[in-house]
Amino acid sequence: MKTQVENYETKKNSALNLMKNGQLNAYFEALIEMNNYKKYMYTICVN
């Protein structure tokens, strides 16, 4: 669970940097990866 949270936070920070730089395609891909990590964290918490 700890690694999932760290991965999520890392992607969150990189997504913010990509948005600030105007790299929209990479930003949207980072958001999708953040969503995947959030799903994994939710699944782990439920089990």
C-alpha atoms as a PDB file:
ATOM      1  CA  MET A   1       0.000   0.000   0.000  1.00  0.00           C
ATOM      2  CA  LYS A   2       2.840   2.376   0.864  1.00  0.00           C
ATOM      3  CA  THR A   3       4.408   2.003  -2.587  1.00  0.00           C
ATOM      4  CA  GLN A   4       1.058   2.683  -4.245  1.00  0.00           C
ATOM      5  CA  VAL A   5       0.672   5.921  -2.295  1.00  0.00           C
ATOM      6  CA  GLU A   6       4.224   6.964  -3.187  1.00  0.00           C
ATOM      7  CA  ASN A   7       3.617   6.198  -6.868  1.00  0.00           C
ATOM      8  CA  TYR A   8       0.370   8.159  -6.775  1.00  0.00           C
ATOM      9  CA  GLU A   9       2.033  11.195  -5.183  1.00  0.00           C
ATOM     10  CA  THR A  10       4.905  11.055  -7.672  1.00  0.00           C
ATOM     11  CA  LYS A  11       2.500  10.983 -10.608  1.00  0.00           C
ATOM     12  CA  LYS A  12       0.494  13.797  -9.045  1.00  0.00           C
ATOM     13  CA  ASN A  13       3.563  16.018  -8.820  1.00  0.00           C
ATOM     14  CA  SER A  14       4.690  15.180 -12.332  1.00  0.00           C
ATOM     15  CA  ALA A  15       1.180  15.866 -13.649  1.00  0.00           C
ATOM     16  CA  LEU A  16       1.235  19.313 -12.055  1.00  0.00           C
ATOM     17  CA  ASN A  17       4.618  20.055 -13.627  1.00  0.00           C
ATOM     18  CA  LEU A  18       3.425  18.858 -17.028  1.00  0.00           C
ATOM     19  CA  MET A  19       0.326  21.044 -16.783  1.00  0.00           C
ATOM     20  CA  LYS A  20       2.449  24.082 -15.888  1.00  0.00           C
ATOM     21  CA  ASN A  21       4.708  23.398 -18.893  1.00  0.00           C
ATOM     22  CA  GLY A  22       1.736  23.076 -21.241  1.00  0.00           C
ATOM     23  CA  GLN A  23       2.350  19.453 -22.206  1.00  0.00           C
ATOM     24  CA  LEU A  24      -1.273  18.444 -22.319  1.00  0.00           C
ATOM     25  CA  ASN A  25      -0.980  14.953 -23.820  1.00  0.00           C
ATOM     26  CA  ALA A  26       1.570  13.881 -21.221  1.00  0.00           C
ATOM     27  CA  TYR A  27      -0.563  15.549 -18.526  1.00  0.00           C
ATOM     28  CA  PHE A  28      -3.625  13.517 -19.496  1.00  0.00           C
ATOM     29  CA  GLU A  29      -1.583  10.305 -19.529  1.00  0.00           C
ATOM     30  CA  ALA A  30      -0.321  11.098 -16.034  1.00  0.00           C
ATOM     31  CA  LEU A  31      -3.914  11.643 -14.885  1.00  0.00           C
ATOM     32  CA  ILE A  32      -4.887   8.237 -16.255  1.00  0.00           C
ATOM     33  CA  GLU A  33      -1.997   6.617 -14.379  1.00  0.00           C
ATOM     34  CA  MET A  34      -3.037   8.462 -11.204  1.00  0.00           C
ATOM     35  CA  ASN A  35      -6.533   7.053 -11.622  1.00  0.00           C
ATOM     36  CA  ASN A  36      -5.109   3.536 -11.971  1.00  0.00           C
ATOM     37  CA  TYR A  37      -3.067   3.917  -8.781  1.00  0.00           C
ATOM     38  CA  LYS A  38      -6.138   5.222  -6.976  1.00  0.00           C
ATOM     39  CA  LYS A  39      -8.097   2.135  -8.077  1.00  0.00           C
ATOM     40  CA  TYR A  40      -5.295  -0.132  -6.805  1.00  0.00           C
ATOM     41  CA  MET A  41      -5.251   1.649  -3.454  1.00  0.00           C
ATOM     42  CA  TYR A  42      -9.024   1.336  -3.146  1.00  0.00           C
ATOM     43  CA  THR A  43      -8.872  -2.371  -4.003  1.00  0.00           C
ATOM     44  CA  ILE A  44      -6.178  -2.962  -1.397  1.00  0.00           C
ATOM     45  CA  CYS A  45      -8.183  -1.118   1.277  1.00  0.00           C
ATOM     46  CA  VAL A  46     -11.342  -3.101   0.534  1.00  0.00           C
ATOM     47  CA  ASN A  47      -9.545  -6.439   0.790  1.00  0.00           C
END
